[in-house]
């Protein structure tokens, strides 16, 4: 199946799941994770409506954002301090912020560009040692501290769910949604108004994530890999 057909299929399935959950399809943003394909794959997805793409390597993010400036680029990978100026210059949204030190550096880089950088705070809801993210009990303090930085806007939370365990994935998604509600209720009006996003769910588990309240799903293999099987 072509990239065009696979993107159309996933987009239609996202809309159908939203309707089954009583949500508007426009409430969920489908992010095509294009890290495994060349520019032709990006162009093919764009041809059938993709407008949000995710990359986890700064070099590829910078190159793709320059080549395809008409779409939104999301940085979803591990943040390295020395690459923060590149990421801030290219990403509409950074999904993987989980330390104050990196938040301060992002704020400084955004100030130099005269912009405000949108970010999500990554939370390790499952507690897996292999996953990055702030502990849930530390997330509120981190969000509050980051929200006070003038060139950084905290838009919500992100998590990576355990793979191969649907029950554990659902627990992680529900836990992130509950945590987001608790944090939002403790923020000031302006900060709470911006704090609306939940980035969770990938190719294997995005329907569950939408049912649990995801506003963004990060889908790569289901769009770009011929060998992906649901």
N, C-alpha and C. Protein backbone atom coordinates (compact mmCIF):
# COMPACT_ATOMS: atom_id res chain seq x y z
N UNK A 1 0.85 -1.19 0.00
CA UNK A 1 0.00 0.00 0.00
C UNK A 1 0.89 1.24 0.00
N UNK A 2 0.51 2.24 -0.76
CA UNK A 2 1.31 3.46 -0.87
C UNK A 2 1.21 4.30 0.40
N UNK A 3 2.16 5.23 0.57
CA UNK A 3 2.10 6.15 1.70
C UNK A 3 0.79 6.93 1.66
N UNK A 4 0.40 7.36 0.47
CA UNK A 4 -0.85 8.12 0.35
C UNK A 4 -2.04 7.31 0.88
N UNK A 5 -2.12 6.04 0.46
CA UNK A 5 -3.24 5.20 0.90
C UNK A 5 -3.16 4.92 2.40
N UNK A 6 -1.97 4.70 2.90
CA UNK A 6 -1.82 4.40 4.33
C UNK A 6 -2.18 5.62 5.18
N UNK A 7 -1.77 6.81 4.73
CA UNK A 7 -2.13 8.01 5.49
C UNK A 7 -3.64 8.22 5.47
N UNK A 8 -4.25 8.06 4.29
CA UNK A 8 -5.70 8.21 4.20
C UNK A 8 -6.40 7.24 5.15
N UNK A 9 -5.92 5.99 5.17
CA UNK A 9 -6.55 4.97 6.02
C UNK A 9 -6.44 5.36 7.50
N UNK A 10 -5.23 5.74 7.93
CA UNK A 10 -5.05 6.09 9.34
C UNK A 10 -5.88 7.32 9.70
N UNK A 11 -5.89 8.33 8.83
CA UNK A 11 -6.67 9.54 9.11
C UNK A 11 -8.16 9.21 9.23
N UNK A 12 -8.65 8.32 8.37
CA UNK A 12 -10.05 7.93 8.44
C UNK A 12 -10.33 7.15 9.72
N UNK A 13 -9.39 6.30 10.13
CA UNK A 13 -9.57 5.54 11.36
C UNK A 13 -9.55 6.46 12.58
N UNK A 14 -8.68 7.47 12.57
CA UNK A 14 -8.66 8.44 13.67
C UNK A 14 -10.01 9.13 13.79
N UNK A 15 -10.55 9.57 12.66
CA UNK A 15 -11.86 10.23 12.67
C UNK A 15 -12.95 9.29 13.20
N UNK A 16 -12.89 8.03 12.78
CA UNK A 16 -13.90 7.06 13.22
C UNK A 16 -13.81 6.79 14.72
N UNK A 17 -12.61 6.65 15.23
CA UNK A 17 -12.43 6.41 16.67
C UNK A 17 -12.91 7.62 17.46
N UNK A 18 -12.60 8.81 16.98
CA UNK A 18 -13.08 10.02 17.66
C UNK A 18 -14.60 10.02 17.76
N UNK A 19 -15.25 9.70 16.65
CA UNK A 19 -16.71 9.70 16.65
C UNK A 19 -17.27 8.64 17.60
N UNK A 20 -16.62 7.48 17.65
CA UNK A 20 -17.05 6.43 18.58
C UNK A 20 -16.92 6.87 20.03
N UNK A 21 -15.93 7.71 20.29
CA UNK A 21 -15.70 8.20 21.66
C UNK A 21 -16.48 9.47 21.98
N UNK A 22 -17.28 9.94 21.03
CA UNK A 22 -18.03 11.16 21.24
C UNK A 22 -17.19 12.42 21.14
N UNK A 23 -16.08 12.33 20.41
CA UNK A 23 -15.20 13.48 20.25
C UNK A 23 -15.22 13.95 18.80
N UNK A 24 -14.90 15.23 18.61
CA UNK A 24 -14.80 15.76 17.26
C UNK A 24 -13.45 15.32 16.65
N UNK A 25 -13.44 14.83 15.41
CA UNK A 25 -12.17 14.46 14.77
C UNK A 25 -11.16 15.60 14.75
N UNK A 26 -11.65 16.83 14.68
CA UNK A 26 -10.75 17.98 14.66
C UNK A 26 -10.03 18.19 15.99
N UNK A 27 -10.47 17.50 17.04
CA UNK A 27 -9.84 17.64 18.36
C UNK A 27 -8.55 16.85 18.49
N UNK A 28 -8.28 15.97 17.51
CA UNK A 28 -7.09 15.11 17.59
C UNK A 28 -6.20 15.37 16.37
N UNK A 29 -4.97 15.73 16.63
CA UNK A 29 -4.01 16.01 15.58
C UNK A 29 -3.19 14.76 15.27
N UNK A 30 -3.19 14.34 14.02
CA UNK A 30 -2.40 13.19 13.58
C UNK A 30 -1.02 13.66 13.16
N UNK A 31 -0.01 13.23 13.91
CA UNK A 31 1.37 13.60 13.61
C UNK A 31 2.03 12.43 12.90
N UNK A 32 2.43 12.64 11.66
CA UNK A 32 3.09 11.60 10.87
C UNK A 32 4.58 11.59 11.22
N UNK A 33 5.02 10.54 11.87
CA UNK A 33 6.42 10.45 12.30
C UNK A 33 7.25 9.93 11.13
N UNK A 34 7.99 10.85 10.53
CA UNK A 34 8.63 10.59 9.23
C UNK A 34 10.11 10.25 9.33
N UNK A 35 10.58 9.86 10.52
CA UNK A 35 12.01 9.68 10.74
C UNK A 35 12.60 8.55 9.90
N UNK A 36 11.79 7.64 9.39
CA UNK A 36 12.32 6.49 8.66
C UNK A 36 12.23 6.64 7.15
N UNK A 37 11.70 7.76 6.67
CA UNK A 37 11.51 7.89 5.22
C UNK A 37 12.22 9.12 4.68
N UNK A 38 12.41 9.14 3.39
CA UNK A 38 13.05 10.27 2.73
C UNK A 38 12.05 11.37 2.42
N UNK A 39 12.53 12.43 1.80
CA UNK A 39 11.65 13.55 1.46
C UNK A 39 10.46 13.15 0.60
N UNK A 40 10.64 12.13 -0.22
CA UNK A 40 9.53 11.73 -1.08
C UNK A 40 8.36 11.18 -0.26
N UNK A 41 8.67 10.51 0.87
CA UNK A 41 7.62 10.03 1.75
C UNK A 41 6.86 11.17 2.40
N UNK A 42 7.59 12.20 2.82
CA UNK A 42 6.95 13.38 3.39
C UNK A 42 6.05 14.04 2.36
N UNK A 43 6.56 14.20 1.15
CA UNK A 43 5.78 14.84 0.10
C UNK A 43 4.52 14.04 -0.23
N UNK A 44 4.64 12.72 -0.21
CA UNK A 44 3.48 11.87 -0.51
C UNK A 44 2.40 12.04 0.55
N UNK A 45 2.80 12.08 1.83
CA UNK A 45 1.82 12.27 2.89
C UNK A 45 1.19 13.66 2.81
N UNK A 46 2.00 14.66 2.49
CA UNK A 46 1.47 16.01 2.35
C UNK A 46 0.44 16.08 1.23
N UNK A 47 0.65 15.32 0.19
CA UNK A 47 -0.24 15.34 -0.97
C UNK A 47 -1.66 14.96 -0.59
N UNK A 48 -1.81 14.13 0.46
CA UNK A 48 -3.15 13.69 0.85
C UNK A 48 -3.58 14.30 2.19
N UNK A 49 -2.94 15.40 2.58
CA UNK A 49 -3.47 16.16 3.70
C UNK A 49 -2.66 16.24 4.97
N UNK A 50 -1.54 15.53 5.06
CA UNK A 50 -0.73 15.60 6.27
C UNK A 50 -0.16 17.00 6.45
N UNK A 51 -0.31 17.54 7.64
CA UNK A 51 0.21 18.89 7.92
C UNK A 51 1.05 18.94 9.19
N UNK A 52 1.20 17.81 9.86
CA UNK A 52 2.03 17.73 11.07
C UNK A 52 2.94 16.52 10.95
N UNK A 53 4.24 16.76 11.14
CA UNK A 53 5.23 15.70 11.03
C UNK A 53 6.14 15.71 12.25
N UNK A 54 6.60 14.53 12.65
CA UNK A 54 7.47 14.41 13.81
C UNK A 54 8.82 13.86 13.45
N UNK A 55 9.87 14.43 14.04
CA UNK A 55 11.24 13.95 13.85
C UNK A 55 11.92 13.85 15.21
N UNK A 56 12.85 12.88 15.34
CA UNK A 56 13.54 12.74 16.62
C UNK A 56 15.03 13.04 16.54
N UNK A 57 15.52 13.46 15.37
CA UNK A 57 16.92 13.83 15.23
C UNK A 57 17.00 15.30 14.80
N UNK A 58 17.81 16.09 15.50
CA UNK A 58 17.87 17.52 15.17
C UNK A 58 18.28 17.80 13.72
N UNK A 59 19.28 17.07 13.21
CA UNK A 59 19.73 17.34 11.84
C UNK A 59 18.60 17.14 10.84
N UNK A 60 17.86 16.04 11.00
CA UNK A 60 16.77 15.77 10.07
C UNK A 60 15.64 16.77 10.26
N UNK A 61 15.37 17.14 11.49
CA UNK A 61 14.34 18.15 11.76
C UNK A 61 14.67 19.45 11.04
N UNK A 62 15.91 19.91 11.18
CA UNK A 62 16.31 21.19 10.58
C UNK A 62 16.19 21.11 9.06
N UNK A 63 16.69 20.02 8.49
CA UNK A 63 16.64 19.87 7.03
C UNK A 63 15.21 19.80 6.51
N UNK A 64 14.37 19.03 7.19
CA UNK A 64 12.99 18.87 6.73
C UNK A 64 12.21 20.17 6.89
N UNK A 65 12.41 20.87 7.99
CA UNK A 65 11.69 22.12 8.21
C UNK A 65 12.05 23.15 7.15
N UNK A 66 13.32 23.13 6.71
CA UNK A 66 13.74 24.05 5.65
C UNK A 66 13.17 23.64 4.29
N UNK A 67 13.08 22.32 4.06
CA UNK A 67 12.59 21.84 2.78
C UNK A 67 11.07 21.94 2.66
N UNK A 68 10.39 21.74 3.80
CA UNK A 68 8.92 21.75 3.79
C UNK A 68 8.41 22.74 4.85
N UNK A 69 8.60 24.03 4.64
CA UNK A 69 8.22 25.03 5.65
C UNK A 69 6.71 25.23 5.77
N UNK A 70 5.95 24.68 4.84
CA UNK A 70 4.51 24.93 4.85
C UNK A 70 3.75 24.03 5.82
N UNK A 71 4.43 23.07 6.45
CA UNK A 71 3.79 22.19 7.42
C UNK A 71 4.43 22.40 8.80
N UNK A 72 3.80 21.82 9.84
CA UNK A 72 4.30 21.96 11.21
C UNK A 72 5.22 20.79 11.54
N UNK A 73 6.36 21.13 12.11
CA UNK A 73 7.35 20.11 12.49
C UNK A 73 7.43 20.01 14.00
N UNK A 74 7.36 18.78 14.47
CA UNK A 74 7.37 18.49 15.90
C UNK A 74 8.67 17.76 16.23
N UNK A 75 9.32 18.17 17.31
CA UNK A 75 10.50 17.44 17.77
C UNK A 75 10.08 16.48 18.86
N UNK A 76 10.30 15.18 18.66
CA UNK A 76 9.82 14.16 19.58
C UNK A 76 10.95 13.33 20.17
N UNK A 77 12.21 13.70 19.89
CA UNK A 77 13.34 12.91 20.34
C UNK A 77 13.98 13.42 21.61
N UNK A 78 15.04 12.76 22.00
CA UNK A 78 15.80 13.14 23.18
C UNK A 78 16.48 14.49 22.95
N UNK A 79 16.38 15.39 23.93
CA UNK A 79 16.94 16.74 23.79
C UNK A 79 18.40 16.74 24.23
N UNK A 80 19.27 17.24 23.37
CA UNK A 80 20.67 17.44 23.71
C UNK A 80 20.91 18.94 23.84
N UNK A 81 21.59 19.36 24.91
CA UNK A 81 21.77 20.79 25.18
C UNK A 81 22.35 21.54 23.99
N UNK A 82 23.38 20.96 23.38
CA UNK A 82 24.08 21.69 22.31
C UNK A 82 23.23 21.85 21.06
N UNK A 83 22.17 21.05 20.92
CA UNK A 83 21.32 21.14 19.73
C UNK A 83 20.06 21.95 19.96
N UNK A 84 19.87 22.46 21.16
CA UNK A 84 18.64 23.21 21.46
C UNK A 84 18.43 24.41 20.53
N UNK A 85 19.46 25.21 20.21
CA UNK A 85 19.22 26.32 19.27
C UNK A 85 18.69 25.86 17.92
N UNK A 86 19.17 24.72 17.43
CA UNK A 86 18.67 24.18 16.16
C UNK A 86 17.22 23.74 16.28
N UNK A 87 16.90 23.05 17.38
CA UNK A 87 15.55 22.54 17.58
C UNK A 87 14.55 23.69 17.69
N UNK A 88 14.90 24.70 18.48
CA UNK A 88 14.00 25.84 18.67
C UNK A 88 13.76 26.58 17.35
N UNK A 89 14.76 26.63 16.52
CA UNK A 89 14.60 27.31 15.24
C UNK A 89 13.74 26.59 14.25
N UNK A 90 13.51 25.27 14.48
CA UNK A 90 12.81 24.47 13.48
C UNK A 90 11.48 23.88 13.94
N UNK A 91 11.31 23.67 15.24
CA UNK A 91 10.15 22.94 15.73
C UNK A 91 9.01 23.86 16.13
N UNK A 92 7.81 23.56 15.66
CA UNK A 92 6.62 24.27 16.14
C UNK A 92 6.30 23.86 17.56
N UNK A 93 6.60 22.61 17.89
CA UNK A 93 6.31 22.08 19.23
C UNK A 93 7.38 21.06 19.60
N UNK A 94 7.93 21.20 20.81
CA UNK A 94 8.89 20.23 21.36
C UNK A 94 8.13 19.37 22.35
N UNK A 95 8.10 18.05 22.10
CA UNK A 95 7.30 17.13 22.92
C UNK A 95 8.04 16.57 24.11
N UNK A 96 9.35 16.65 24.16
CA UNK A 96 10.14 15.80 25.05
C UNK A 96 10.92 16.55 26.13
N UNK A 97 10.39 17.66 26.60
CA UNK A 97 11.08 18.43 27.64
C UNK A 97 10.77 17.84 29.01
N UNK A 98 11.80 17.52 29.77
CA UNK A 98 11.54 16.97 31.10
C UNK A 98 12.54 17.42 32.16
N UNK A 99 13.37 18.44 31.84
CA UNK A 99 14.26 18.98 32.85
C UNK A 99 14.21 20.51 32.81
N UNK A 100 14.37 21.11 33.97
CA UNK A 100 14.40 22.57 34.05
C UNK A 100 15.60 23.13 33.30
N UNK A 101 16.72 22.46 33.38
CA UNK A 101 17.94 22.95 32.71
C UNK A 101 17.69 23.10 31.21
N UNK A 102 17.09 22.10 30.60
CA UNK A 102 16.80 22.21 29.17
C UNK A 102 15.73 23.27 28.91
N UNK A 103 14.77 23.40 29.81
CA UNK A 103 13.76 24.43 29.65
C UNK A 103 14.36 25.82 29.65
N UNK A 104 15.31 26.05 30.53
CA UNK A 104 15.97 27.35 30.59
C UNK A 104 16.76 27.62 29.32
N UNK A 105 17.41 26.59 28.77
CA UNK A 105 18.17 26.76 27.53
C UNK A 105 17.23 27.00 26.34
N UNK A 106 16.09 26.33 26.34
CA UNK A 106 15.10 26.58 25.29
C UNK A 106 14.59 28.01 25.39
N UNK A 107 14.33 28.48 26.59
CA UNK A 107 13.88 29.86 26.80
C UNK A 107 14.91 30.85 26.28
N UNK A 108 16.19 30.60 26.55
CA UNK A 108 17.25 31.49 26.08
C UNK A 108 17.34 31.48 24.56
N UNK A 109 17.24 30.29 23.96
CA UNK A 109 17.32 30.21 22.50
C UNK A 109 16.13 30.90 21.85
N UNK A 110 14.94 30.74 22.42
CA UNK A 110 13.75 31.39 21.88
C UNK A 110 13.86 32.91 22.03
N UNK A 111 14.43 33.37 23.14
CA UNK A 111 14.60 34.82 23.34
C UNK A 111 15.50 35.41 22.27
N UNK A 112 16.56 34.68 21.91
CA UNK A 112 17.47 35.18 20.88
C UNK A 112 16.77 35.29 19.53
N UNK A 113 15.79 34.42 19.30
CA UNK A 113 15.04 34.46 18.04
C UNK A 113 13.83 35.39 18.13
N UNK A 114 13.57 35.94 19.30
CA UNK A 114 12.41 36.81 19.47
C UNK A 114 11.09 36.08 19.36
N UNK A 115 11.04 34.86 19.88
CA UNK A 115 9.83 34.06 19.77
C UNK A 115 9.49 33.42 21.11
N UNK A 116 8.36 32.76 21.15
CA UNK A 116 7.96 31.95 22.31
C UNK A 116 7.85 30.51 21.83
N UNK A 117 8.58 29.61 22.47
CA UNK A 117 8.61 28.22 22.03
C UNK A 117 7.56 27.40 22.77
N UNK A 118 6.70 26.74 22.02
CA UNK A 118 5.72 25.82 22.60
C UNK A 118 6.39 24.50 22.95
N UNK A 119 6.07 23.98 24.14
CA UNK A 119 6.66 22.72 24.59
C UNK A 119 5.60 21.87 25.28
N UNK A 120 5.89 20.57 25.35
CA UNK A 120 5.16 19.65 26.20
C UNK A 120 6.13 19.10 27.23
N UNK A 121 5.65 18.82 28.41
CA UNK A 121 6.48 18.18 29.44
C UNK A 121 6.28 16.68 29.34
N UNK A 122 7.38 15.96 29.15
CA UNK A 122 7.33 14.50 29.06
C UNK A 122 7.28 13.91 30.46
N UNK A 123 6.31 13.02 30.67
CA UNK A 123 6.12 12.39 31.98
C UNK A 123 6.29 10.88 31.84
N UNK A 124 7.07 10.30 32.71
CA UNK A 124 7.25 8.84 32.73
C UNK A 124 6.19 8.24 33.63
N UNK A 125 4.99 8.11 33.09
CA UNK A 125 3.85 7.63 33.89
C UNK A 125 4.05 6.19 34.31
N UNK A 126 4.60 5.36 33.44
CA UNK A 126 4.73 3.93 33.72
C UNK A 126 5.85 3.61 34.70
N UNK A 127 6.80 4.54 34.86
CA UNK A 127 7.92 4.29 35.76
C UNK A 127 8.99 3.38 35.20
N UNK A 128 8.92 3.07 33.89
CA UNK A 128 9.93 2.19 33.29
C UNK A 128 11.28 2.90 33.25
N UNK A 129 12.32 2.17 33.68
CA UNK A 129 13.66 2.75 33.72
C UNK A 129 14.17 3.10 32.33
N UNK A 130 13.67 2.43 31.30
CA UNK A 130 14.13 2.65 29.94
C UNK A 130 13.53 3.89 29.30
N UNK A 131 12.56 4.50 29.96
CA UNK A 131 11.87 5.65 29.38
C UNK A 131 12.29 6.95 30.06
N UNK A 132 12.34 8.01 29.24
CA UNK A 132 12.65 9.34 29.76
C UNK A 132 11.38 9.96 30.33
N UNK A 133 11.56 11.05 31.03
CA UNK A 133 10.41 11.80 31.52
C UNK A 133 10.51 12.08 32.99
N UNK A 134 9.85 13.14 33.40
CA UNK A 134 9.79 13.50 34.81
C UNK A 134 8.81 12.56 35.52
N UNK A 135 9.06 12.27 36.79
CA UNK A 135 8.13 11.45 37.57
C UNK A 135 6.81 12.20 37.75
N UNK A 136 5.68 11.49 37.76
CA UNK A 136 4.39 12.18 37.87
C UNK A 136 4.29 13.12 39.07
N UNK A 137 4.86 12.72 40.20
CA UNK A 137 4.75 13.54 41.39
C UNK A 137 5.60 14.80 41.32
N UNK A 138 6.50 14.89 40.34
CA UNK A 138 7.34 16.06 40.17
C UNK A 138 6.88 16.94 39.00
N UNK A 139 5.87 16.48 38.28
CA UNK A 139 5.47 17.18 37.05
C UNK A 139 4.86 18.55 37.33
N UNK A 140 4.04 18.66 38.36
CA UNK A 140 3.38 19.94 38.65
C UNK A 140 4.41 21.03 38.92
N UNK A 141 5.39 20.75 39.76
CA UNK A 141 6.39 21.76 40.08
C UNK A 141 7.19 22.15 38.84
N UNK A 142 7.52 21.16 37.99
CA UNK A 142 8.27 21.47 36.78
C UNK A 142 7.43 22.34 35.84
N UNK A 143 6.17 22.00 35.65
CA UNK A 143 5.30 22.79 34.77
C UNK A 143 5.19 24.22 35.28
N UNK A 144 4.98 24.38 36.56
CA UNK A 144 4.86 25.74 37.12
C UNK A 144 6.13 26.55 36.91
N UNK A 145 7.28 25.92 37.12
CA UNK A 145 8.55 26.63 36.97
C UNK A 145 8.79 27.00 35.51
N UNK A 146 8.51 26.07 34.61
CA UNK A 146 8.69 26.34 33.18
C UNK A 146 7.73 27.41 32.69
N UNK A 147 6.51 27.37 33.18
CA UNK A 147 5.49 28.32 32.72
C UNK A 147 5.85 29.76 33.08
N UNK A 148 6.74 29.93 34.06
CA UNK A 148 7.16 31.27 34.45
C UNK A 148 8.22 31.86 33.52
N UNK A 149 8.79 31.03 32.65
CA UNK A 149 9.82 31.51 31.73
C UNK A 149 9.14 32.28 30.59
N UNK A 150 9.61 33.48 30.27
CA UNK A 150 8.86 34.35 29.36
C UNK A 150 8.85 33.92 27.90
N UNK A 151 9.84 33.12 27.49
CA UNK A 151 9.90 32.72 26.07
C UNK A 151 9.59 31.23 25.89
N UNK A 152 8.84 30.69 26.83
CA UNK A 152 8.47 29.28 26.76
C UNK A 152 7.01 29.16 27.16
N UNK A 153 6.24 28.38 26.39
CA UNK A 153 4.82 28.19 26.68
C UNK A 153 4.56 26.69 26.83
N UNK A 154 4.11 26.28 28.01
CA UNK A 154 3.84 24.86 28.25
C UNK A 154 2.43 24.54 27.78
N UNK A 155 2.35 23.73 26.72
CA UNK A 155 1.06 23.42 26.09
C UNK A 155 0.39 22.18 26.65
N UNK A 156 1.12 21.35 27.41
CA UNK A 156 0.51 20.14 27.94
C UNK A 156 1.55 19.11 28.27
N UNK A 157 1.15 17.83 28.21
CA UNK A 157 2.01 16.72 28.62
C UNK A 157 2.16 15.70 27.49
N UNK A 158 3.22 14.93 27.57
CA UNK A 158 3.48 13.82 26.65
C UNK A 158 3.92 12.61 27.45
N UNK A 159 3.59 11.41 26.96
CA UNK A 159 4.14 10.20 27.56
C UNK A 159 4.35 9.14 26.50
N UNK A 160 5.22 8.18 26.86
CA UNK A 160 5.45 6.98 26.06
C UNK A 160 4.90 5.81 26.86
N UNK A 161 3.98 5.06 26.29
CA UNK A 161 3.36 3.96 27.01
C UNK A 161 4.19 2.68 26.86
N UNK A 162 4.06 1.75 27.81
CA UNK A 162 4.71 0.44 27.65
C UNK A 162 4.22 -0.23 26.37
N UNK A 163 5.13 -0.87 25.66
CA UNK A 163 4.77 -1.54 24.41
C UNK A 163 4.45 -3.01 24.67
N UNK A 164 3.51 -3.53 23.91
CA UNK A 164 3.17 -4.95 24.00
C UNK A 164 2.29 -5.31 25.17
N UNK A 165 1.77 -4.32 25.89
CA UNK A 165 0.92 -4.58 27.06
C UNK A 165 -0.23 -3.58 27.02
N UNK A 166 -1.34 -3.93 26.37
CA UNK A 166 -2.44 -2.98 26.20
C UNK A 166 -2.98 -2.45 27.52
N UNK A 167 -3.06 -3.29 28.54
CA UNK A 167 -3.60 -2.83 29.82
C UNK A 167 -2.68 -1.79 30.45
N UNK A 168 -1.36 -2.03 30.37
CA UNK A 168 -0.40 -1.07 30.92
C UNK A 168 -0.41 0.22 30.13
N UNK A 169 -0.58 0.12 28.81
CA UNK A 169 -0.66 1.32 27.99
C UNK A 169 -1.88 2.15 28.36
N UNK A 170 -3.02 1.49 28.52
CA UNK A 170 -4.23 2.22 28.90
C UNK A 170 -4.07 2.89 30.26
N UNK A 171 -3.44 2.19 31.20
CA UNK A 171 -3.22 2.77 32.52
C UNK A 171 -2.33 4.02 32.43
N UNK A 172 -1.31 3.96 31.56
CA UNK A 172 -0.43 5.12 31.38
C UNK A 172 -1.18 6.29 30.78
N UNK A 173 -2.00 6.02 29.78
CA UNK A 173 -2.76 7.09 29.14
C UNK A 173 -3.76 7.73 30.10
N UNK A 174 -4.47 6.89 30.83
CA UNK A 174 -5.45 7.42 31.79
C UNK A 174 -4.74 8.19 32.90
N UNK A 175 -3.59 7.68 33.32
CA UNK A 175 -2.83 8.37 34.35
C UNK A 175 -2.37 9.74 33.89
N UNK A 176 -1.93 9.85 32.63
CA UNK A 176 -1.48 11.15 32.11
C UNK A 176 -2.65 12.12 32.03
N UNK A 177 -3.82 11.63 31.59
CA UNK A 177 -4.99 12.50 31.49
C UNK A 177 -5.41 13.03 32.85
N UNK A 178 -5.39 12.18 33.85
CA UNK A 178 -5.74 12.61 35.21
C UNK A 178 -4.73 13.64 35.71
N UNK A 179 -3.45 13.35 35.49
CA UNK A 179 -2.40 14.27 35.93
C UNK A 179 -2.55 15.62 35.24
N UNK A 180 -2.83 15.61 33.95
CA UNK A 180 -3.00 16.87 33.22
C UNK A 180 -4.14 17.69 33.80
N UNK A 181 -5.24 17.04 34.15
CA UNK A 181 -6.35 17.76 34.75
C UNK A 181 -5.99 18.37 36.09
N UNK A 182 -5.24 17.63 36.89
CA UNK A 182 -4.81 18.15 38.20
C UNK A 182 -3.89 19.35 38.03
N UNK A 183 -2.96 19.25 37.08
CA UNK A 183 -2.04 20.36 36.86
C UNK A 183 -2.78 21.58 36.33
N UNK A 184 -3.66 21.37 35.36
CA UNK A 184 -4.39 22.50 34.77
C UNK A 184 -5.19 23.26 35.82
N UNK A 185 -5.79 22.54 36.74
CA UNK A 185 -6.63 23.19 37.75
C UNK A 185 -5.82 24.01 38.73
N UNK A 186 -4.50 23.78 38.78
CA UNK A 186 -3.65 24.50 39.73
C UNK A 186 -2.93 25.68 39.09
N UNK A 187 -3.08 25.84 37.77
CA UNK A 187 -2.40 26.92 37.07
C UNK A 187 -3.24 28.19 37.04
N UNK A 188 -2.58 29.31 36.81
CA UNK A 188 -3.30 30.56 36.59
C UNK A 188 -4.09 30.51 35.30
N UNK A 189 -4.98 31.46 35.09
CA UNK A 189 -5.88 31.43 33.94
C UNK A 189 -5.13 31.38 32.61
N UNK A 190 -4.11 32.21 32.45
CA UNK A 190 -3.39 32.25 31.18
C UNK A 190 -2.65 30.95 30.93
N UNK A 191 -1.97 30.43 31.96
CA UNK A 191 -1.22 29.19 31.79
C UNK A 191 -2.17 28.01 31.56
N UNK A 192 -3.29 27.99 32.28
CA UNK A 192 -4.25 26.90 32.10
C UNK A 192 -4.88 26.94 30.72
N UNK A 193 -5.10 28.14 30.19
CA UNK A 193 -5.68 28.27 28.87
C UNK A 193 -4.80 27.71 27.78
N UNK A 194 -3.48 27.76 27.98
CA UNK A 194 -2.54 27.21 27.00
C UNK A 194 -2.31 25.72 27.19
N UNK A 195 -2.63 25.22 28.37
CA UNK A 195 -2.28 23.85 28.77
C UNK A 195 -3.41 22.90 28.36
N UNK A 196 -3.45 22.58 27.07
CA UNK A 196 -4.59 21.84 26.52
C UNK A 196 -4.22 20.53 25.81
N UNK A 197 -2.93 20.25 25.66
CA UNK A 197 -2.52 19.15 24.79
C UNK A 197 -2.08 17.90 25.56
N UNK A 198 -2.46 16.75 25.03
CA UNK A 198 -1.98 15.46 25.52
C UNK A 198 -1.44 14.69 24.33
N UNK A 199 -0.12 14.55 24.27
CA UNK A 199 0.53 13.81 23.19
C UNK A 199 0.79 12.40 23.68
N UNK A 200 0.01 11.46 23.19
CA UNK A 200 0.18 10.06 23.62
C UNK A 200 -0.47 9.16 22.59
N UNK A 201 0.14 7.98 22.43
CA UNK A 201 -0.36 7.02 21.46
C UNK A 201 0.49 6.99 20.21
N UNK A 202 0.87 5.77 19.80
CA UNK A 202 1.66 5.58 18.59
C UNK A 202 0.98 4.53 17.72
N UNK A 203 1.69 3.97 16.77
CA UNK A 203 1.06 3.09 15.78
C UNK A 203 0.30 1.93 16.41
N UNK A 204 0.82 1.36 17.51
CA UNK A 204 0.20 0.18 18.10
C UNK A 204 -1.00 0.50 18.99
N UNK A 205 -1.05 1.73 19.54
CA UNK A 205 -2.00 1.94 20.62
C UNK A 205 -2.76 3.27 20.55
N UNK A 206 -2.69 3.97 19.41
CA UNK A 206 -3.32 5.29 19.35
C UNK A 206 -4.84 5.25 19.56
N UNK A 207 -5.59 4.20 19.15
CA UNK A 207 -7.03 4.24 19.44
C UNK A 207 -7.33 4.32 20.93
N UNK A 208 -6.57 3.57 21.73
CA UNK A 208 -6.75 3.63 23.18
C UNK A 208 -6.39 5.01 23.70
N UNK A 209 -5.34 5.59 23.15
CA UNK A 209 -4.92 6.93 23.59
C UNK A 209 -6.02 7.96 23.32
N UNK A 210 -6.65 7.88 22.16
CA UNK A 210 -7.74 8.81 21.85
C UNK A 210 -8.89 8.61 22.81
N UNK A 211 -9.22 7.37 23.11
CA UNK A 211 -10.30 7.09 24.06
C UNK A 211 -10.00 7.66 25.44
N UNK A 212 -8.70 7.78 25.76
CA UNK A 212 -8.28 8.31 27.06
C UNK A 212 -8.06 9.81 27.05
N UNK A 213 -8.24 10.47 25.90
CA UNK A 213 -8.16 11.91 25.86
C UNK A 213 -7.03 12.52 25.07
N UNK A 214 -6.28 11.74 24.32
CA UNK A 214 -5.17 12.29 23.53
C UNK A 214 -5.68 13.37 22.59
N UNK A 215 -4.88 14.44 22.48
CA UNK A 215 -5.17 15.46 21.48
C UNK A 215 -4.17 15.39 20.32
N UNK A 216 -3.12 14.59 20.50
CA UNK A 216 -2.12 14.35 19.46
C UNK A 216 -1.71 12.89 19.52
N UNK A 217 -1.66 12.23 18.37
CA UNK A 217 -1.13 10.88 18.29
C UNK A 217 0.04 10.88 17.32
N UNK A 218 1.09 10.16 17.67
CA UNK A 218 2.34 10.16 16.91
C UNK A 218 2.45 8.82 16.16
N UNK A 219 2.15 8.84 14.87
CA UNK A 219 2.03 7.60 14.10
C UNK A 219 3.07 7.57 13.01
N UNK A 220 3.96 6.58 13.05
CA UNK A 220 5.00 6.45 12.04
C UNK A 220 4.81 5.22 11.18
N UNK A 221 5.02 4.04 11.77
CA UNK A 221 5.02 2.81 10.96
C UNK A 221 3.69 2.53 10.29
N UNK A 222 2.58 2.85 10.94
CA UNK A 222 1.27 2.59 10.33
C UNK A 222 1.06 3.44 9.07
N UNK A 223 1.81 4.52 8.95
CA UNK A 223 1.72 5.37 7.76
C UNK A 223 2.82 5.06 6.75
N UNK A 224 4.03 4.84 7.23
CA UNK A 224 5.19 4.80 6.32
C UNK A 224 5.78 3.41 6.11
N UNK A 225 5.33 2.40 6.84
CA UNK A 225 5.92 1.07 6.70
C UNK A 225 4.94 0.09 6.05
N UNK A 226 5.40 -0.54 4.99
CA UNK A 226 4.57 -1.55 4.32
C UNK A 226 4.36 -2.79 5.19
N UNK A 227 5.28 -3.03 6.13
CA UNK A 227 5.24 -4.27 6.89
C UNK A 227 4.46 -4.15 8.19
N UNK A 228 3.95 -2.96 8.50
CA UNK A 228 3.24 -2.79 9.78
C UNK A 228 1.94 -3.57 9.76
N UNK A 229 1.71 -4.29 10.87
CA UNK A 229 0.47 -5.03 11.03
C UNK A 229 -0.18 -4.62 12.33
N UNK A 230 -1.45 -4.28 12.27
CA UNK A 230 -2.15 -3.86 13.49
C UNK A 230 -2.39 -5.05 14.40
